[in-house]
Amino acid sequence: MVSVNELLSELESMMNKERKFIELFATVEYLISLVEPSKREKFKEALENAESVEEVYELIKAIKLQLGIQGAKKYVLGLSNE
Protein backbone atom coordinates (compact mmCIF):
# COMPACT_ATOMS: atom_id res chain seq x y z
CA MET A 1 0.00 0.00 0.00
CA VAL A 2 1.26 3.49 -0.92
CA SER A 3 1.42 6.08 1.83
CA VAL A 4 -0.04 9.53 1.41
CA ASN A 5 3.43 11.09 1.67
CA GLU A 6 4.75 8.84 -1.11
CA LEU A 7 1.79 9.72 -3.30
CA LEU A 8 2.23 13.44 -2.65
CA SER A 9 5.94 13.19 -3.41
CA GLU A 10 5.24 11.40 -6.68
CA LEU A 11 2.61 13.98 -7.67
CA GLU A 12 4.99 16.82 -6.86
CA SER A 13 7.67 15.22 -9.00
CA MET A 14 5.24 14.84 -11.90
CA MET A 15 4.13 18.45 -11.57
CA ASN A 16 7.74 19.67 -11.60
CA LYS A 17 8.43 17.71 -14.80
CA GLU A 18 5.31 19.12 -16.45
CA ARG A 19 6.20 22.66 -15.35
CA LYS A 20 9.69 22.34 -16.80
CA PHE A 21 8.29 21.01 -20.08
CA ILE A 22 5.80 23.89 -20.29
CA GLU A 23 8.60 26.40 -19.64
CA LEU A 24 10.75 24.74 -22.31
CA PHE A 25 7.87 24.81 -24.80
CA ALA A 26 7.20 28.50 -24.08
CA THR A 27 10.89 29.29 -24.54
CA VAL A 28 10.96 27.58 -27.92
CA GLU A 29 7.81 29.39 -29.03
CA TYR A 30 9.42 32.70 -28.05
CA LEU A 31 12.61 31.86 -29.95
CA ILE A 32 10.55 30.91 -33.00
CA SER A 33 8.90 34.33 -32.87
CA LEU A 34 12.38 35.85 -33.35
CA VAL A 35 13.00 33.85 -36.54
CA GLU A 36 12.36 35.65 -39.82
CA PRO A 37 8.76 35.12 -40.95
CA SER A 38 9.63 33.08 -44.04
CA LYS A 39 11.22 30.38 -41.88
CA ARG A 40 8.91 30.33 -38.84
CA GLU A 41 6.48 27.72 -40.16
CA LYS A 42 9.24 25.11 -40.54
CA PHE A 43 10.32 25.60 -36.95
CA LYS A 44 6.72 25.47 -35.72
CA GLU A 45 6.24 22.18 -37.58
CA ALA A 46 9.42 20.80 -36.05
CA LEU A 47 8.19 21.73 -32.57
CA GLU A 48 4.82 20.09 -33.19
CA ASN A 49 6.53 16.92 -34.46
CA ALA A 50 9.08 16.69 -31.65
CA GLU A 51 8.70 13.38 -29.86
CA SER A 52 11.08 13.92 -26.97
CA VAL A 53 12.71 16.60 -24.87
CA GLU A 54 16.00 15.81 -26.60
CA GLU A 55 14.42 16.68 -29.96
CA VAL A 56 13.22 19.98 -28.51
CA TYR A 57 16.77 20.77 -27.37
CA GLU A 58 18.03 19.97 -30.88
CA LEU A 59 15.40 22.34 -32.24
CA ILE A 60 16.66 25.06 -29.90
CA LYS A 61 20.16 24.56 -31.32
CA ALA A 62 18.80 24.94 -34.86
CA ILE A 63 16.88 28.08 -33.92
CA LYS A 64 20.03 29.57 -32.35
CA LEU A 65 21.92 28.91 -35.59
CA GLN A 66 19.13 30.56 -37.59
CA LEU A 67 19.14 33.59 -35.32
CA GLY A 68 22.92 33.81 -35.69
CA ILE A 69 22.59 33.73 -39.47
CA GLN A 70 19.96 36.45 -39.33
CA GLY A 71 22.20 38.59 -37.13
CA ALA A 72 25.15 38.08 -39.44
CA LYS A 73 23.06 39.09 -42.46
CA LYS A 74 21.94 42.28 -40.73
CA TYR A 75 25.53 43.05 -39.73
CA VAL A 76 26.86 42.52 -43.25
CA LEU A 77 24.05 44.54 -44.80
CA GLY A 78 24.71 47.28 -42.25
CA LEU A 79 28.39 47.38 -43.24
CA SER A 80 27.53 47.66 -46.92
CA ASN A 81 25.30 50.67 -46.23
CA GLU A 82 28.11 52.63 -44.55
PDB file of N, CA and C in Angstrom:
ATOM      1  N   MET A   1       0.839  -1.174   0.000  1.00  0.00           N
ATOM      2  CA  MET A   1       0.000   0.000   0.000  1.00  0.00           C
ATOM      3  C   MET A   1       0.890   1.246   0.000  1.00  0.00           C
ATOM      4  N   VAL A   2       0.499   2.254  -0.779  1.00  0.00           N
ATOM      5  CA  VAL A   2       1.259   3.488  -0.917  1.00  0.00           C
ATOM      6  C   VAL A   2       0.798   4.485   0.140  1.00  0.00           C
ATOM      7  N   SER A   3       1.772   5.086   0.814  1.00  0.00           N
ATOM      8  CA  SER A   3       1.417   6.076   1.833  1.00  0.00           C
ATOM      9  C   SER A   3       1.049   7.400   1.173  1.00  0.00           C
ATOM     10  N   VAL A   4       0.378   8.226   1.915  1.00  0.00           N
ATOM     11  CA  VAL A   4      -0.039   9.533   1.411  1.00  0.00           C
ATOM     12  C   VAL A   4       1.189  10.380   1.076  1.00  0.00           C
ATOM     13  N   ASN A   5       2.212  10.311   1.927  1.00  0.00           N
ATOM     14  CA  ASN A   5       3.434  11.086   1.667  1.00  0.00           C
ATOM     15  C   ASN A   5       4.119  10.647   0.376  1.00  0.00           C
ATOM     16  N   GLU A   6       4.148   9.341   0.123  1.00  0.00           N
ATOM     17  CA  GLU A   6       4.750   8.842  -1.112  1.00  0.00           C
ATOM     18  C   GLU A   6       3.958   9.317  -2.323  1.00  0.00           C
ATOM     19  N   LEU A   7       2.654   9.276  -2.217  1.00  0.00           N
ATOM     20  CA  LEU A   7       1.791   9.720  -3.304  1.00  0.00           C
ATOM     21  C   LEU A   7       1.982  11.215  -3.567  1.00  0.00           C
ATOM     22  N   LEU A   8       2.020  12.006  -2.502  1.00  0.00           N
ATOM     23  CA  LEU A   8       2.232  13.441  -2.652  1.00  0.00           C
ATOM     24  C   LEU A   8       3.593  13.743  -3.268  1.00  0.00           C
ATOM     25  N   SER A   9       4.600  13.010  -2.857  1.00  0.00           N
ATOM     26  CA  SER A   9       5.938  13.193  -3.407  1.00  0.00           C
ATOM     27  C   SER A   9       5.960  12.864  -4.901  1.00  0.00           C
ATOM     28  N   GLU A  10       5.304  11.801  -5.270  1.00  0.00           N
ATOM     29  CA  GLU A  10       5.245  11.403  -6.678  1.00  0.00           C
ATOM     30  C   GLU A  10       4.483  12.450  -7.503  1.00  0.00           C
ATOM     31  N   LEU A  11       3.377  12.941  -6.967  1.00  0.00           N
ATOM     32  CA  LEU A  11       2.611  13.978  -7.667  1.00  0.00           C
ATOM     33  C   LEU A  11       3.420  15.255  -7.827  1.00  0.00           C
ATOM     34  N   GLU A  12       4.153  15.627  -6.790  1.00  0.00           N
ATOM     35  CA  GLU A  12       4.991  16.822  -6.864  1.00  0.00           C
ATOM     36  C   GLU A  12       6.064  16.671  -7.927  1.00  0.00           C
ATOM     37  N   SER A  13       6.656  15.493  -7.995  1.00  0.00           N
ATOM     38  CA  SER A  13       7.675  15.221  -9.004  1.00  0.00           C
ATOM     39  C   SER A  13       7.085  15.329 -10.410  1.00  0.00           C
ATOM     40  N   MET A  14       5.904  14.772 -10.600  1.00  0.00           N
ATOM     41  CA  MET A  14       5.243  14.840 -11.902  1.00  0.00           C
ATOM     42  C   MET A  14       4.923  16.281 -12.275  1.00  0.00           C
ATOM     43  N   MET A  15       4.469  17.052 -11.316  1.00  0.00           N
ATOM     44  CA  MET A  15       4.128  18.452 -11.569  1.00  0.00           C
ATOM     45  C   MET A  15       5.372  19.256 -11.936  1.00  0.00           C
ATOM     46  N   ASN A  16       6.493  18.974 -11.280  1.00  0.00           N
ATOM     47  CA  ASN A  16       7.741  19.666 -11.600  1.00  0.00           C
ATOM     48  C   ASN A  16       8.186  19.360 -13.024  1.00  0.00           C
ATOM     49  N   LYS A  17       8.059  18.094 -13.435  1.00  0.00           N
ATOM     50  CA  LYS A  17       8.429  17.712 -14.801  1.00  0.00           C
ATOM     51  C   LYS A  17       7.542  18.414 -15.811  1.00  0.00           C
ATOM     52  N   GLU A  18       6.246  18.444 -15.543  1.00  0.00           N
ATOM     53  CA  GLU A  18       5.312  19.119 -16.445  1.00  0.00           C
ATOM     54  C   GLU A  18       5.607  20.610 -16.518  1.00  0.00           C
ATOM     55  N   ARG A  19       5.890  21.230 -15.384  1.00  0.00           N
ATOM     56  CA  ARG A  19       6.196  22.659 -15.348  1.00  0.00           C
ATOM     57  C   ARG A  19       7.433  22.960 -16.176  1.00  0.00           C
ATOM     58  N   LYS A  20       8.457  22.126 -16.036  1.00  0.00           N
ATOM     59  CA  LYS A  20       9.690  22.336 -16.802  1.00  0.00           C
ATOM     60  C   LYS A  20       9.436  22.182 -18.290  1.00  0.00           C
ATOM     61  N   PHE A  21       8.601  21.210 -18.662  1.00  0.00           N
ATOM     62  CA  PHE A  21       8.292  21.005 -20.075  1.00  0.00           C
ATOM     63  C   PHE A  21       7.517  22.207 -20.620  1.00  0.00           C
ATOM     64  N   ILE A  22       6.578  22.728 -19.855  1.00  0.00           N
ATOM     65  CA  ILE A  22       5.798  23.895 -20.286  1.00  0.00           C
ATOM     66  C   ILE A  22       6.720  25.098 -20.458  1.00  0.00           C
ATOM     67  N   GLU A  23       7.643  25.296 -19.528  1.00  0.00           N
ATOM     68  CA  GLU A  23       8.598  26.402 -19.636  1.00  0.00           C
ATOM     69  C   GLU A  23       9.481  26.240 -20.873  1.00  0.00           C
ATOM     70  N   LEU A  24       9.916  25.018 -21.136  1.00  0.00           N
ATOM     71  CA  LEU A  24      10.745  24.736 -22.307  1.00  0.00           C
ATOM     72  C   LEU A  24       9.966  25.044 -23.584  1.00  0.00           C
ATOM     73  N   PHE A  25       8.723  24.593 -23.632  1.00  0.00           N
ATOM     74  CA  PHE A  25       7.870  24.808 -24.796  1.00  0.00           C
ATOM     75  C   PHE A  25       7.660  26.303 -25.027  1.00  0.00           C
ATOM     76  N   ALA A  26       7.404  27.051 -23.964  1.00  0.00           N
ATOM     77  CA  ALA A  26       7.199  28.501 -24.079  1.00  0.00           C
ATOM     78  C   ALA A  26       8.471  29.194 -24.568  1.00  0.00           C
ATOM     79  N   THR A  27       9.615  28.726 -24.103  1.00  0.00           N
ATOM     80  CA  THR A  27      10.891  29.290 -24.537  1.00  0.00           C
ATOM     81  C   THR A  27      11.091  29.089 -26.033  1.00  0.00           C
ATOM     82  N   VAL A  28      10.787  27.876 -26.492  1.00  0.00           N
ATOM     83  CA  VAL A  28      10.957  27.579 -27.919  1.00  0.00           C
ATOM     84  C   VAL A  28       9.995  28.426 -28.749  1.00  0.00           C
ATOM     85  N   GLU A  29       8.763  28.559 -28.294  1.00  0.00           N
ATOM     86  CA  GLU A  29       7.807  29.390 -29.028  1.00  0.00           C
ATOM     87  C   GLU A  29       8.303  30.833 -29.113  1.00  0.00           C
ATOM     88  N   TYR A  30       8.880  31.341 -28.032  1.00  0.00           N
ATOM     89  CA  TYR A  30       9.425  32.703 -28.054  1.00  0.00           C
ATOM     90  C   TYR A  30      10.571  32.797 -29.056  1.00  0.00           C
ATOM     91  N   LEU A  31      11.485  31.833 -29.015  1.00  0.00           N
ATOM     92  CA  LEU A  31      12.611  31.857 -29.951  1.00  0.00           C
ATOM     93  C   LEU A  31      12.125  31.803 -31.396  1.00  0.00           C
ATOM     94  N   ILE A  32      11.100  31.002 -31.654  1.00  0.00           N
ATOM     95  CA  ILE A  32      10.548  30.911 -33.003  1.00  0.00           C
ATOM     96  C   ILE A  32      10.003  32.266 -33.440  1.00  0.00           C
ATOM     97  N   SER A  33       9.434  33.013 -32.513  1.00  0.00           N
ATOM     98  CA  SER A  33       8.897  34.334 -32.867  1.00  0.00           C
ATOM     99  C   SER A  33       9.999  35.292 -33.312  1.00  0.00           C
ATOM    100  N   LEU A  34      11.249  35.007 -32.959  1.00  0.00           N
ATOM    101  CA  LEU A  34      12.378  35.846 -33.350  1.00  0.00           C
ATOM    102  C   LEU A  34      12.927  35.488 -34.735  1.00  0.00           C
ATOM    103  N   VAL A  35      12.532  34.317 -35.231  1.00  0.00           N
ATOM    104  CA  VAL A  35      12.997  33.853 -36.537  1.00  0.00           C
ATOM    105  C   VAL A  35      12.280  34.644 -37.627  1.00  0.00           C
ATOM    106  N   GLU A  36      12.985  34.896 -38.722  1.00  0.00           N
ATOM    107  CA  GLU A  36      12.359  35.649 -39.815  1.00  0.00           C
ATOM    108  C   GLU A  36      11.101  34.927 -40.295  1.00  0.00           C
ATOM    109  N   PRO A  37      10.073  35.688 -40.632  1.00  0.00           N
ATOM    110  CA  PRO A  37       8.759  35.117 -40.948  1.00  0.00           C
ATOM    111  C   PRO A  37       8.767  33.998 -41.994  1.00  0.00           C
ATOM    112  N   SER A  38       9.628  34.093 -42.973  1.00  0.00           N
ATOM    113  CA  SER A  38       9.628  33.082 -44.041  1.00  0.00           C
ATOM    114  C   SER A  38      10.074  31.704 -43.553  1.00  0.00           C
ATOM    115  N   LYS A  39      10.708  31.655 -42.401  1.00  0.00           N
ATOM    116  CA  LYS A  39      11.224  30.382 -41.882  1.00  0.00           C
ATOM    117  C   LYS A  39      10.469  29.874 -40.652  1.00  0.00           C
ATOM    118  N   ARG A  40       9.603  30.691 -40.085  1.00  0.00           N
ATOM    119  CA  ARG A  40       8.914  30.333 -38.839  1.00  0.00           C
ATOM    120  C   ARG A  40       8.101  29.050 -38.937  1.00  0.00           C
ATOM    121  N   GLU A  41       7.387  28.877 -40.034  1.00  0.00           N
ATOM    122  CA  GLU A  41       6.483  27.718 -40.155  1.00  0.00           C
ATOM    123  C   GLU A  41       7.244  26.399 -40.039  1.00  0.00           C
ATOM    124  N   LYS A  42       8.422  26.335 -40.623  1.00  0.00           N
ATOM    125  CA  LYS A  42       9.238  25.106 -40.541  1.00  0.00           C
ATOM    126  C   LYS A  42       9.596  24.790 -39.096  1.00  0.00           C
ATOM    127  N   PHE A  43       9.962  25.816 -38.346  1.00  0.00           N
ATOM    128  CA  PHE A  43      10.322  25.604 -36.947  1.00  0.00           C
ATOM    129  C   PHE A  43       9.099  25.225 -36.118  1.00  0.00           C
ATOM    130  N   LYS A  44       7.947  25.827 -36.419  1.00  0.00           N
ATOM    131  CA  LYS A  44       6.717  25.473 -35.718  1.00  0.00           C
ATOM    132  C   LYS A  44       6.363  24.009 -35.979  1.00  0.00           C
ATOM    133  N   GLU A  45       6.499  23.573 -37.227  1.00  0.00           N
ATOM    134  CA  GLU A  45       6.237  22.176 -37.576  1.00  0.00           C
ATOM    135  C   GLU A  45       7.181  21.245 -36.818  1.00  0.00           C
ATOM    136  N   ALA A  46       8.447  21.628 -36.754  1.00  0.00           N
ATOM    137  CA  ALA A  46       9.424  20.803 -36.047  1.00  0.00           C
ATOM    138  C   ALA A  46       9.062  20.684 -34.570  1.00  0.00           C
ATOM    139  N   LEU A  47       8.583  21.764 -33.980  1.00  0.00           N
ATOM    140  CA  LEU A  47       8.186  21.726 -32.574  1.00  0.00           C
ATOM    141  C   LEU A  47       6.974  20.809 -32.389  1.00  0.00           C
ATOM    142  N   GLU A  48       6.012  20.926 -33.272  1.00  0.00           N
ATOM    143  CA  GLU A  48       4.818  20.085 -33.187  1.00  0.00           C
ATOM    144  C   GLU A  48       5.149  18.603 -33.366  1.00  0.00           C
ATOM    145  N   ASN A  49       6.166  18.311 -34.172  1.00  0.00           N
ATOM    146  CA  ASN A  49       6.526  16.923 -34.464  1.00  0.00           C
ATOM    147  C   ASN A  49       7.566  16.344 -33.504  1.00  0.00           C
ATOM    148  N   ALA A  50       8.079  17.170 -32.604  1.00  0.00           N
ATOM    149  CA  ALA A  50       9.084  16.690 -31.648  1.00  0.00           C
ATOM    150  C   ALA A  50       8.475  15.605 -30.764  1.00  0.00           C
ATOM    151  N   GLU A  51       9.198  14.515 -30.624  1.00  0.00           N
ATOM    152  CA  GLU A  51       8.698  13.376 -29.858  1.00  0.00           C
ATOM    153  C   GLU A  51       9.379  13.209 -28.508  1.00  0.00           C
ATOM    154  N   SER A  52      10.375  14.036 -28.243  1.00  0.00           N
ATOM    155  CA  SER A  52      11.077  13.921 -26.965  1.00  0.00           C
ATOM    156  C   SER A  52      11.678  15.269 -26.591  1.00  0.00           C
ATOM    157  N   VAL A  53      12.061  15.378 -25.344  1.00  0.00           N
ATOM    158  CA  VAL A  53      12.707  16.598 -24.866  1.00  0.00           C
ATOM    159  C   VAL A  53      14.035  16.798 -25.597  1.00  0.00           C
ATOM    160  N   GLU A  54      14.720  15.718 -25.888  1.00  0.00           N
ATOM    161  CA  GLU A  54      15.998  15.807 -26.601  1.00  0.00           C
ATOM    162  C   GLU A  54      15.798  16.443 -27.972  1.00  0.00           C
ATOM    163  N   GLU A  55      14.701  16.086 -28.653  1.00  0.00           N
ATOM    164  CA  GLU A  55      14.424  16.683 -29.958  1.00  0.00           C
ATOM    165  C   GLU A  55      14.128  18.173 -29.820  1.00  0.00           C
ATOM    166  N   VAL A  56      13.495  18.566 -28.746  1.00  0.00           N
ATOM    167  CA  VAL A  56      13.221  19.983 -28.513  1.00  0.00           C
ATOM    168  C   VAL A  56      14.533  20.732 -28.295  1.00  0.00           C
ATOM    169  N   TYR A  57      15.465  20.129 -27.554  1.00  0.00           N
ATOM    170  CA  TYR A  57      16.770  20.767 -27.366  1.00  0.00           C
ATOM    171  C   TYR A  57      17.528  20.886 -28.689  1.00  0.00           C
ATOM    172  N   GLU A  58      17.403  19.893 -29.555  1.00  0.00           N
ATOM    173  CA  GLU A  58      18.026  19.968 -30.884  1.00  0.00           C
ATOM    174  C   GLU A  58      17.395  21.096 -31.693  1.00  0.00           C
ATOM    175  N   LEU A  59      16.092  21.261 -31.556  1.00  0.00           N
ATOM    176  CA  LEU A  59      15.397  22.344 -32.238  1.00  0.00           C
ATOM    177  C   LEU A  59      15.903  23.697 -31.743  1.00  0.00           C
ATOM    178  N   ILE A  60      16.123  23.807 -30.453  1.00  0.00           N
ATOM    179  CA  ILE A  60      16.664  25.058 -29.896  1.00  0.00           C
ATOM    180  C   ILE A  60      18.023  25.367 -30.525  1.00  0.00           C
ATOM    181  N   LYS A  61      18.853  24.356 -30.684  1.00  0.00           N
ATOM    182  CA  LYS A  61      20.161  24.565 -31.325  1.00  0.00           C
ATOM    183  C   LYS A  61      19.984  25.093 -32.748  1.00  0.00           C
ATOM    184  N   ALA A  62      19.044  24.506 -33.483  1.00  0.00           N
ATOM    185  CA  ALA A  62      18.798  24.939 -34.862  1.00  0.00           C
ATOM    186  C   ALA A  62      18.283  26.381 -34.895  1.00  0.00           C
ATOM    187  N   ILE A  63      17.409  26.711 -33.969  1.00  0.00           N
ATOM    188  CA  ILE A  63      16.883  28.085 -33.919  1.00  0.00           C
ATOM    189  C   ILE A  63      18.013  29.063 -33.605  1.00  0.00           C
ATOM    190  N   LYS A  64      18.893  28.704 -32.679  1.00  0.00           N
ATOM    191  CA  LYS A  64      20.032  29.571 -32.352  1.00  0.00           C
ATOM    192  C   LYS A  64      20.909  29.814 -33.583  1.00  0.00           C
ATOM    193  N   LEU A  65      21.126  28.746 -34.360  1.00  0.00           N
ATOM    194  CA  LEU A  65      21.918  28.912 -35.587  1.00  0.00           C
ATOM    195  C   LEU A  65      21.218  29.858 -36.555  1.00  0.00           C
ATOM    196  N   GLN A  66      19.903  29.682 -36.705  1.00  0.00           N
ATOM    197  CA  GLN A  66      19.133  30.556 -37.595  1.00  0.00           C
ATOM    198  C   GLN A  66      19.208  32.005 -37.137  1.00  0.00           C
ATOM    199  N   LEU A  67      19.072  32.227 -35.846  1.00  0.00           N
ATOM    200  CA  LEU A  67      19.142  33.591 -35.321  1.00  0.00           C
ATOM    201  C   LEU A  67      20.534  34.188 -35.540  1.00  0.00           C
ATOM    202  N   GLY A  68      21.553  33.350 -35.418  1.00  0.00           N
ATOM    203  CA  GLY A  68      22.918  33.807 -35.689  1.00  0.00           C
ATOM    204  C   GLY A  68      23.092  34.204 -37.143  1.00  0.00           C
ATOM    205  N   ILE A  69      22.527  33.420 -38.043  1.00  0.00           N
ATOM    206  CA  ILE A  69      22.587  33.733 -39.474  1.00  0.00           C
ATOM    207  C   ILE A  69      21.880  35.055 -39.753  1.00  0.00           C
ATOM    208  N   GLN A  70      20.707  35.206 -39.143  1.00  0.00           N
ATOM    209  CA  GLN A  70      19.959  36.445 -39.333  1.00  0.00           C
ATOM    210  C   GLN A  70      20.758  37.647 -38.835  1.00  0.00           C
ATOM    211  N   GLY A  71      21.386  37.503 -37.681  1.00  0.00           N
ATOM    212  CA  GLY A  71      22.198  38.585 -37.133  1.00  0.00           C
ATOM    213  C   GLY A  71      23.378  38.911 -38.026  1.00  0.00           C
ATOM    214  N   ALA A  72      24.003  37.875 -38.555  1.00  0.00           N
ATOM    215  CA  ALA A  72      25.149  38.081 -39.440  1.00  0.00           C
ATOM    216  C   ALA A  72      24.720  38.804 -40.714  1.00  0.00           C
ATOM    217  N   LYS A  73      23.563  38.419 -41.254  1.00  0.00           N
ATOM    218  CA  LYS A  73      23.061  39.093 -42.460  1.00  0.00           C
ATOM    219  C   LYS A  73      22.820  40.575 -42.190  1.00  0.00           C
ATOM    220  N   LYS A  74      22.205  40.884 -41.059  1.00  0.00           N
ATOM    221  CA  LYS A  74      21.939  42.283 -40.731  1.00  0.00           C
ATOM    222  C   LYS A  74      23.244  43.053 -40.555  1.00  0.00           C
ATOM    223  N   TYR A  75      24.232  42.413 -39.946  1.00  0.00           N
ATOM    224  CA  TYR A  75      25.531  43.054 -39.732  1.00  0.00           C
ATOM    225  C   TYR A  75      26.205  43.344 -41.067  1.00  0.00           C
ATOM    226  N   VAL A  76      26.211  42.343 -41.947  1.00  0.00           N
ATOM    227  CA  VAL A  76      26.857  42.516 -43.253  1.00  0.00           C
ATOM    228  C   VAL A  76      26.132  43.572 -44.071  1.00  0.00           C
ATOM    229  N   LEU A  77      24.817  43.528 -44.052  1.00  0.00           N
ATOM    230  CA  LEU A  77      24.052  44.541 -44.802  1.00  0.00           C
ATOM    231  C   LEU A  77      24.282  45.923 -44.203  1.00  0.00           C
ATOM    232  N   GLY A  78      24.439  46.000 -42.895  1.00  0.00           N
ATOM    233  CA  GLY A  78      24.715  47.285 -42.247  1.00  0.00           C
ATOM    234  C   GLY A  78      26.063  47.840 -42.657  1.00  0.00           C
ATOM    235  N   LEU A  79      27.053  46.937 -42.806  1.00  0.00           N
ATOM    236  CA  LEU A  79      28.387  47.380 -43.239  1.00  0.00           C
ATOM    237  C   LEU A  79      28.357  47.893 -44.672  1.00  0.00           C
ATOM    238  N   SER A  80      27.547  47.254 -45.510  1.00  0.00           N
ATOM    239  CA  SER A  80      27.527  47.656 -46.917  1.00  0.00           C
ATOM    240  C   SER A  80      26.794  48.989 -47.113  1.00  0.00           C
ATOM    241  N   ASN A  81      26.004  49.397 -46.130  1.00  0.00           N
ATOM    242  CA  ASN A  81      25.304  50.668 -46.231  1.00  0.00           C
ATOM    243  C   ASN A  81      26.123  51.834 -45.705  1.00  0.00           C
ATOM    244  N   GLU A  82      27.268  51.552 -45.118  1.00  0.00           N
ATOM    245  CA  GLU A  82      28.109  52.626 -44.555  1.00  0.00           C
ATOM    246  C   GLU A  82      28.930  53.291 -45.604  1.00  0.00           C
TER     247      GLU A  82
END
